[in-house]
Amino acid sequence: MNRNYWDMRRDNTIGADDYFHCKANYEATQRGPTGERTAEKLGNAKEDFDFWYNQAWKGMSPLAASKDKMHDREVNKIGRQQAKSGLYKNSREGCNLFRVRDINDKY
């Protein structure tokens, strides 16, 4: 998950957040049940923090911060589900629905 965060920061592509969220959860789930549970717990904790941070530091309304939190949790869940489906060779394929045009091809 940490690697995907730093890949996202290096890539610096607007709108790519969902792709990297999905990819991190996909890859963690591929490591087995412990990886899946860890991804879910860490992801939920991060979104709970972001809910507060988005209001306190980014000036988002509680409603907007809540919508952002729920959206990110849903994307994380999709990443875990794609990994468990067995339909994809890797996280790039499994999360392709979230790729945006300008993401570097190495991701």
Protein backbone atom coordinates (compact mmCIF):
# COMPACT_ATOMS: atom_id res chain seq x y z
CA MET A 1 0.00 0.00 0.00
CA ASN A 2 2.83 2.34 0.85
CA ARG A 3 4.49 1.74 -2.54
CA ASN A 4 1.27 2.62 -4.36
CA TYR A 5 0.98 5.84 -2.35
CA TRP A 6 4.47 6.91 -3.39
CA ASP A 7 3.86 5.79 -6.99
CA MET A 8 0.78 8.02 -7.01
CA ARG A 9 2.77 10.95 -5.64
CA ARG A 10 5.54 10.45 -8.22
CA ASP A 11 3.07 10.07 -11.07
CA ASN A 12 1.29 13.27 -9.99
CA THR A 13 -1.58 12.78 -12.45
CA ILE A 14 -4.80 14.63 -11.69
CA GLY A 15 -7.68 12.20 -11.18
CA ALA A 16 -5.51 9.11 -10.66
CA ASP A 17 -6.31 8.72 -6.95
CA ASP A 18 -8.99 6.07 -7.53
CA TYR A 19 -6.67 3.95 -9.66
CA PHE A 20 -3.97 3.86 -6.99
CA HIS A 21 -6.51 3.19 -4.22
CA CYS A 22 -7.86 0.24 -6.20
CA LYS A 23 -4.40 -1.03 -7.07
CA ALA A 24 -3.16 -0.95 -3.46
CA ASN A 25 -6.18 -2.88 -2.22
CA TYR A 26 -5.95 -5.36 -5.08
CA GLU A 27 -2.30 -6.11 -4.36
CA ALA A 28 -2.84 -6.42 -0.61
CA THR A 29 -5.72 -8.84 -1.17
CA GLN A 30 -3.57 -10.94 -3.49
CA ARG A 31 -1.36 -11.64 -0.47
CA GLY A 32 -4.20 -13.57 1.17
CA PRO A 33 -6.85 -13.09 3.86
CA THR A 34 -4.49 -11.27 6.21
CA GLY A 35 -3.52 -8.83 3.47
CA GLU A 36 -7.16 -8.24 2.63
CA ARG A 37 -8.13 -7.58 6.25
CA THR A 38 -5.12 -5.31 6.74
CA ALA A 39 -5.97 -3.33 3.60
CA GLU A 40 -9.55 -2.89 4.75
CA LYS A 41 -8.60 -1.78 8.26
CA LEU A 42 -5.82 0.57 7.13
CA GLY A 43 -7.98 1.98 4.34
CA ASN A 44 -10.89 2.64 6.68
CA ALA A 45 -8.59 4.29 9.25
CA LYS A 46 -7.08 6.51 6.54
CA GLU A 47 -10.51 7.55 5.29
CA ASP A 48 -11.65 8.32 8.84
CA PHE A 49 -8.60 10.57 9.25
CA ASP A 50 -9.18 12.17 5.84
CA PHE A 51 -12.81 12.90 6.81
CA TRP A 52 -11.52 15.07 9.67
CA TYR A 53 -8.56 16.47 7.69
CA ASN A 54 -10.71 17.46 4.70
CA GLN A 55 -12.94 19.53 6.96
CA ALA A 56 -10.28 21.02 9.23
CA TRP A 57 -7.59 21.79 6.66
CA LYS A 58 -9.20 21.71 3.23
CA GLY A 59 -12.38 23.52 4.20
CA MET A 60 -14.74 20.83 2.97
CA SER A 61 -18.24 20.69 4.39
CA PRO A 62 -19.12 17.64 6.51
CA LEU A 63 -21.34 16.40 3.67
CA ALA A 64 -18.60 16.75 1.03
CA ALA A 65 -16.04 15.10 3.34
CA SER A 66 -18.46 12.25 4.00
CA LYS A 67 -19.10 11.73 0.29
CA ASP A 68 -15.34 11.66 -0.35
CA LYS A 69 -14.84 9.13 2.44
CA MET A 70 -17.60 6.83 1.17
CA HIS A 71 -16.36 7.09 -2.42
CA ASP A 72 -12.79 6.15 -1.46
CA ARG A 73 -14.02 3.24 0.66
CA GLU A 74 -16.05 1.96 -2.28
CA VAL A 75 -13.05 2.16 -4.62
CA ASN A 76 -10.95 0.29 -2.03
CA LYS A 77 -13.64 -2.39 -1.82
CA ILE A 78 -13.72 -2.75 -5.61
CA GLY A 79 -9.96 -3.29 -5.62
CA ARG A 80 -10.31 -6.11 -3.08
CA GLN A 81 -13.22 -7.66 -4.98
CA GLN A 82 -11.37 -7.52 -8.31
CA ALA A 83 -8.44 -9.38 -6.74
CA LYS A 84 -10.68 -12.11 -5.34
CA SER A 85 -12.61 -12.51 -8.61
CA GLY A 86 -9.77 -14.36 -10.32
CA LEU A 87 -10.63 -12.63 -13.61
CA TYR A 88 -7.49 -10.51 -13.89
CA LYS A 89 -3.79 -11.24 -14.32
CA ASN A 90 -2.65 -8.31 -12.21
CA SER A 91 -3.68 -5.11 -10.43
CA ARG A 92 -3.27 -3.01 -13.56
CA GLU A 93 -5.88 -5.09 -15.38
CA GLY A 94 -8.13 -5.36 -12.34
CA CYS A 95 -8.16 -1.61 -11.77
CA ASN A 96 -8.13 -0.52 -15.40
CA LEU A 97 -11.63 0.96 -15.05
CA PHE A 98 -10.06 3.69 -12.87
CA ARG A 99 -7.10 4.54 -15.12
CA VAL A 100 -7.04 8.06 -16.46
CA ARG A 101 -5.43 9.03 -19.74
CA ASP A 102 -2.25 10.65 -18.45
CA ILE A 103 -1.08 7.97 -15.97
CA ASN A 104 2.47 6.89 -16.70
CA ASP A 105 2.47 3.51 -18.51
CA LYS A 106 4.81 2.01 -15.91
CA TYR A 107 1.86 1.97 -13.48
